[in-house]
N, C-alpha and C. Protein backbone atom coordinates (compact mmCIF):
# COMPACT_ATOMS: atom_id res chain seq x y z
N UNK A 1 58.35 36.34 97.90
CA UNK A 1 57.52 37.48 96.64
C UNK A 1 58.08 39.12 96.56
N UNK A 2 59.18 39.37 97.31
CA UNK A 2 59.54 40.72 97.40
C UNK A 2 60.38 40.67 96.68
N UNK A 3 61.15 39.73 96.74
CA UNK A 3 63.04 39.96 95.78
C UNK A 3 63.07 40.19 94.79
N UNK A 4 62.14 40.01 93.58
CA UNK A 4 62.20 40.79 92.39
C UNK A 4 62.37 41.94 92.21
N UNK A 5 61.56 43.00 93.38
CA UNK A 5 61.62 44.13 92.73
C UNK A 5 62.99 45.00 93.97
N UNK A 6 63.68 43.91 94.45
CA UNK A 6 64.54 44.42 95.79
C UNK A 6 65.85 43.66 94.44
N UNK A 7 66.21 44.37 93.54
CA UNK A 7 67.32 44.51 92.90
C UNK A 7 68.60 45.88 93.81
N UNK A 8 69.49 45.47 92.98
CA UNK A 8 70.41 46.57 93.36
C UNK A 8 69.82 47.73 92.78
N UNK A 9 70.00 49.43 93.51
CA UNK A 9 70.10 50.50 93.31
C UNK A 9 70.88 50.46 91.76
N UNK A 10 70.29 51.50 90.21
CA UNK A 10 70.94 51.58 89.66
C UNK A 10 72.00 52.23 89.59
N UNK A 11 72.87 52.47 88.70
CA UNK A 11 74.06 53.89 89.44
C UNK A 11 73.14 55.49 88.64
N UNK A 12 73.34 56.12 89.37
CA UNK A 12 73.02 57.83 88.82
C UNK A 12 72.89 57.80 87.03
N UNK A 13 74.02 57.87 86.59
CA UNK A 13 74.39 57.98 85.33
C UNK A 13 73.41 56.80 84.56
N UNK A 14 73.08 55.89 84.52
CA UNK A 14 72.20 54.53 84.02
C UNK A 14 70.81 54.91 84.26
N UNK A 15 70.46 55.69 85.51
CA UNK A 15 69.01 55.80 85.48
C UNK A 15 68.42 57.23 84.79
N UNK A 16 69.48 58.20 85.05
CA UNK A 16 69.19 59.02 84.00
C UNK A 16 69.25 59.42 82.85
N UNK A 17 69.76 58.17 82.47
CA UNK A 17 70.11 57.49 80.52
C UNK A 17 68.01 57.10 80.89
N UNK A 18 68.04 56.66 81.78
CA UNK A 18 66.73 55.79 80.66
C UNK A 18 65.99 55.71 81.78
N UNK A 19 66.38 56.67 82.38
CA UNK A 19 64.58 57.12 82.69
C UNK A 19 64.09 58.69 82.85
N UNK A 20 63.04 58.40 82.61
CA UNK A 20 62.48 60.49 82.66
C UNK A 20 61.97 60.65 84.15
N UNK A 21 61.62 61.45 84.79
CA UNK A 21 61.57 61.91 85.89
C UNK A 21 60.27 63.68 85.72
N UNK A 22 59.35 63.00 86.52
CA UNK A 22 58.41 64.32 87.05
C UNK A 22 57.77 64.25 87.97
N UNK A 23 57.34 65.34 88.72
CA UNK A 23 56.73 65.60 90.02
C UNK A 23 55.85 66.36 89.80
N UNK A 24 54.52 65.82 90.91
CA UNK A 24 53.36 66.27 90.43
C UNK A 24 52.82 66.77 92.15
N UNK A 25 52.56 68.46 91.95
CA UNK A 25 52.09 68.12 93.09
C UNK A 25 50.57 68.32 93.63
N UNK A 26 49.84 66.97 94.25
CA UNK A 26 48.25 66.85 94.53
C UNK A 26 47.61 67.58 95.68
N UNK A 27 46.91 68.57 95.48
CA UNK A 27 46.82 68.87 97.38
C UNK A 27 45.19 67.70 97.55
N UNK A 28 44.87 67.14 96.49
CA UNK A 28 43.54 66.66 97.35
C UNK A 28 43.57 65.31 97.57
N UNK A 29 44.69 65.08 97.83
CA UNK A 29 45.43 63.30 97.76
C UNK A 29 46.12 63.94 99.43
N UNK A 30 46.78 65.52 99.02
CA UNK A 30 48.23 65.86 100.04
C UNK A 30 49.50 64.92 99.77
N UNK A 31 49.49 65.00 98.52
CA UNK A 31 50.54 64.08 98.34
C UNK A 31 52.11 65.31 97.46
N UNK A 32 52.93 64.71 97.16
CA UNK A 32 53.86 65.06 95.88
C UNK A 32 53.90 63.80 94.98
N UNK A 33 54.12 63.88 94.24
CA UNK A 33 53.64 62.32 93.25
C UNK A 33 55.21 62.06 92.39
N UNK A 34 56.37 61.30 92.85
CA UNK A 34 57.44 61.39 91.36
C UNK A 34 57.31 60.73 90.96
N UNK A 35 57.51 60.61 89.19
CA UNK A 35 57.07 59.35 88.37
C UNK A 35 57.84 59.22 88.06
N UNK A 36 58.65 58.14 87.36
CA UNK A 36 59.71 57.75 86.74
C UNK A 36 59.63 57.15 85.82
N UNK A 37 59.65 57.15 84.63
CA UNK A 37 58.92 56.52 83.32
C UNK A 37 60.37 55.63 82.74
N UNK A 38 60.71 54.71 82.37
CA UNK A 38 61.17 53.80 80.99
C UNK A 38 60.92 55.09 80.06
N UNK A 39 62.42 54.81 79.07
CA UNK A 39 62.58 55.80 77.94
C UNK A 39 62.69 54.51 76.79
N UNK A 40 63.13 53.62 77.53
CA UNK A 40 63.27 52.62 75.86
C UNK A 40 62.60 50.59 76.64
N UNK A 41 61.94 50.51 75.91
CA UNK A 41 60.83 49.31 76.06
C UNK A 41 61.67 47.94 76.32
N UNK A 42 62.77 47.91 76.75
CA UNK A 42 63.62 46.78 77.01
C UNK A 42 63.72 46.47 78.43
N UNK A 43 63.23 48.26 79.26
CA UNK A 43 63.73 48.21 80.77
C UNK A 43 63.08 47.34 81.42
N UNK A 44 63.16 46.05 82.33
CA UNK A 44 61.93 45.83 83.37
C UNK A 44 61.36 46.28 84.27
N UNK A 45 61.93 47.14 84.56
CA UNK A 45 61.03 48.59 85.12
C UNK A 45 60.53 49.19 84.67
N UNK A 46 59.42 49.32 84.24
CA UNK A 46 58.64 50.05 83.65
C UNK A 46 58.31 51.32 83.83
N UNK A 47 57.92 51.91 84.97
CA UNK A 47 57.43 53.31 85.42
C UNK A 47 57.64 52.37 87.29
N UNK A 48 57.73 53.51 87.83
CA UNK A 48 57.58 53.59 89.42
C UNK A 48 57.31 55.24 89.84
N UNK A 49 56.36 54.99 90.60
CA UNK A 49 55.56 56.02 91.17
C UNK A 49 56.53 56.09 92.61
N UNK A 50 56.49 57.08 93.49
CA UNK A 50 56.60 57.33 94.98
C UNK A 50 56.37 59.06 95.08
N UNK A 51 55.05 58.56 96.66
CA UNK A 51 53.92 59.65 97.12
C UNK A 51 54.94 59.83 98.62
N UNK A 52 54.96 61.01 97.94
CA UNK A 52 55.67 61.70 99.99
C UNK A 52 54.47 62.90 100.39
N UNK A 53 54.84 63.24 101.72
CA UNK A 53 54.37 63.62 102.16
C UNK A 53 54.63 65.11 101.75
N UNK A 54 53.98 66.98 101.51
CA UNK A 54 55.05 67.47 100.47
C UNK A 54 55.77 68.00 102.30
N UNK A 55 54.48 67.88 103.50
CA UNK A 55 55.18 68.90 104.40
C UNK A 55 56.62 68.32 105.10
N UNK A 56 56.80 66.70 105.37
CA UNK A 56 58.53 66.21 105.81
C UNK A 56 58.90 65.91 105.28
N UNK A 57 58.20 65.44 103.63
CA UNK A 57 59.33 64.51 103.06
C UNK A 57 58.89 62.52 103.38
N UNK A 58 57.90 62.52 104.30
CA UNK A 58 58.00 60.69 104.96
C UNK A 58 57.22 60.41 102.85
N UNK A 59 57.76 59.25 102.95
CA UNK A 59 57.25 58.03 101.47
C UNK A 59 56.10 57.49 102.08
N UNK A 60 54.88 58.02 101.70
CA UNK A 60 53.11 57.04 102.13
C UNK A 60 53.14 55.64 101.22
N UNK A 61 53.46 56.38 99.71
CA UNK A 61 53.38 54.49 98.69
C UNK A 61 54.58 54.51 97.59
N UNK A 62 54.42 54.00 97.44
CA UNK A 62 55.77 53.02 96.63
C UNK A 62 54.92 52.15 95.38
N UNK A 63 54.75 52.71 94.24
CA UNK A 63 54.44 52.30 92.81
C UNK A 63 55.51 51.53 91.87
N UNK A 64 55.17 50.55 91.52
CA UNK A 64 56.04 49.41 90.77
C UNK A 64 55.81 49.05 89.48
N UNK A 65 56.10 49.03 88.44
CA UNK A 65 55.47 48.12 87.68
C UNK A 65 56.37 47.53 86.68
N UNK A 66 56.13 46.31 86.66
CA UNK A 66 57.58 45.46 86.34
C UNK A 66 57.12 44.53 85.15
N UNK A 67 58.04 44.34 83.95
CA UNK A 67 57.90 44.11 82.70
C UNK A 67 58.21 42.15 83.17
N UNK A 68 57.64 41.32 82.94
CA UNK A 68 57.70 39.77 83.37
C UNK A 68 58.75 39.59 82.12
N UNK A 69 58.89 40.13 80.91
CA UNK A 69 59.86 39.51 79.90
C UNK A 69 59.99 40.72 78.81
N UNK A 70 60.57 41.34 78.63
CA UNK A 70 60.18 42.74 77.59
C UNK A 70 60.50 41.88 76.58
N UNK A 71 61.21 41.59 76.15
CA UNK A 71 61.12 40.32 74.85
C UNK A 71 60.23 39.97 74.25
N UNK A 72 59.04 39.12 75.48
CA UNK A 72 57.94 38.37 74.92
C UNK A 72 57.03 39.05 75.19
N UNK A 73 56.84 40.25 76.12
CA UNK A 73 55.49 41.18 76.37
C UNK A 73 54.50 40.36 76.34
N UNK A 74 55.05 39.05 77.47
CA UNK A 74 53.80 38.45 78.06
C UNK A 74 52.84 38.54 79.79
N UNK A 75 53.40 39.77 79.73
CA UNK A 75 53.12 40.03 81.74
C UNK A 75 53.71 41.10 81.95
N UNK A 76 53.29 41.21 82.60
CA UNK A 76 53.37 42.68 84.01
C UNK A 76 52.96 42.32 85.52
N UNK A 77 53.86 42.45 86.34
CA UNK A 77 53.68 42.27 87.95
C UNK A 77 53.57 44.02 88.49
N UNK A 78 52.76 44.13 88.73
CA UNK A 78 52.54 45.24 90.52
C UNK A 78 52.62 45.24 91.62
N UNK A 79 53.35 46.31 92.02
CA UNK A 79 54.24 46.10 93.33
C UNK A 79 53.39 47.33 94.03
N UNK A 80 52.18 47.75 95.30
CA UNK A 80 51.67 48.43 95.22
C UNK A 80 52.18 48.22 97.01
N UNK A 81 52.83 49.03 97.56
CA UNK A 81 53.62 49.38 99.13
C UNK A 81 53.44 50.77 99.42
N UNK A 82 52.37 50.55 100.48
CA UNK A 82 51.82 51.46 101.71
C UNK A 82 52.81 51.53 102.70
N UNK A 83 52.80 52.95 103.29
CA UNK A 83 53.64 52.69 104.71
C UNK A 83 52.86 52.41 105.83
N UNK A 84 53.57 51.63 106.80
CA UNK A 84 53.74 50.67 108.07
C UNK A 84 52.15 50.11 108.00
N UNK A 85 51.39 49.95 106.62
CA UNK A 85 50.08 48.99 106.33
C UNK A 85 50.46 47.71 105.57
N UNK A 86 51.14 47.67 104.48
CA UNK A 86 51.86 46.26 103.48
C UNK A 86 51.87 46.68 102.04
N UNK A 87 51.72 45.83 101.93
CA UNK A 87 52.35 45.56 100.22
C UNK A 87 50.95 44.63 100.08
N UNK A 88 50.62 45.14 98.18
CA UNK A 88 50.06 44.25 96.74
C UNK A 88 50.57 44.10 96.01
N UNK A 89 50.70 42.50 95.87
CA UNK A 89 51.90 42.28 94.01
C UNK A 89 50.41 41.82 93.05
N UNK A 90 50.13 42.09 92.35
CA UNK A 90 49.04 41.77 90.94
C UNK A 90 50.24 41.87 89.71
N UNK A 91 50.30 40.54 89.45
CA UNK A 91 50.65 39.76 88.12
C UNK A 91 49.28 39.45 87.03
N UNK A 92 50.08 39.92 86.24
CA UNK A 92 49.05 39.38 85.18
C UNK A 92 49.96 38.75 83.57
N UNK A 93 49.83 38.32 83.79
CA UNK A 93 50.29 36.91 82.26
C UNK A 93 49.00 37.09 81.36
N UNK A 94 49.64 37.22 79.85
CA UNK A 94 49.13 36.82 78.28
C UNK A 94 49.17 35.47 78.05
N UNK A 95 48.10 34.81 77.91
CA UNK A 95 48.28 33.40 77.51
C UNK A 95 48.50 33.77 75.72
N UNK A 96 49.11 31.90 75.11
CA UNK A 96 48.80 32.72 73.40
C UNK A 96 47.82 32.47 72.84
N UNK A 97 46.74 32.69 73.45
CA UNK A 97 45.51 32.58 73.32
C UNK A 97 45.17 34.47 73.45
N UNK A 98 45.60 35.03 73.51
CA UNK A 98 45.36 36.12 74.13
C UNK A 98 44.76 36.69 75.32
N UNK A 99 44.10 35.58 75.86
CA UNK A 99 43.38 36.05 77.41
C UNK A 99 44.55 35.88 78.66
N UNK A 100 43.66 36.74 79.34
CA UNK A 100 44.65 37.43 80.35
C UNK A 100 44.56 36.24 81.73
N UNK A 101 45.35 36.32 82.64
CA UNK A 101 45.52 35.59 84.27
C UNK A 101 45.90 36.87 84.50
N UNK A 102 45.33 36.84 86.06
CA UNK A 102 45.58 38.26 86.89
C UNK A 102 45.50 37.17 88.13
N UNK A 103 47.01 37.21 89.33
CA UNK A 103 47.16 36.88 90.44
C UNK A 103 47.57 37.96 91.16
N UNK A 104 46.58 38.08 92.43
CA UNK A 104 47.17 38.82 93.41
C UNK A 104 46.94 38.37 94.57
N UNK A 105 48.20 39.23 95.57
CA UNK A 105 48.68 38.76 96.44
C UNK A 105 48.96 40.30 97.68
N UNK A 106 48.30 39.79 99.22
CA UNK A 106 48.70 41.47 99.74
C UNK A 106 49.32 40.92 100.96
N UNK A 107 49.84 41.58 101.40
CA UNK A 107 50.65 41.34 103.05
C UNK A 107 50.27 42.27 103.26
N UNK A 108 49.93 42.32 104.62
CA UNK A 108 49.29 43.31 105.61
C UNK A 108 50.01 43.15 106.99
N UNK A 109 50.43 44.60 107.21
CA UNK A 109 51.34 44.31 108.45
C UNK A 109 50.40 44.02 109.83
N UNK A 110 50.78 42.92 110.66
CA UNK A 110 50.24 43.79 111.59
C UNK A 110 50.67 44.16 112.89
């Protein structure tokens, strides 16, 4: 289920050439968000957000938006992982008639 998100980490030069980075501190939820946005529509990973605790740097959550097929633009998958709690995967697919189907899978750590 999570395998499509667990690809080899890209080389630093590739990552810097293909993604822009922004950092935002949000005092209302007590996190620093580091966001990476793809510079090209052809990238499979469209966006990544890493939410960290500003006092100790621990990762609280990770959000990844993945294009199912960048060339066809027929669907997207979203992963939301929460430290010590679990993760959810949302898959949306657009059919030929334009309707959208959304499937949600949730895994909770016990």
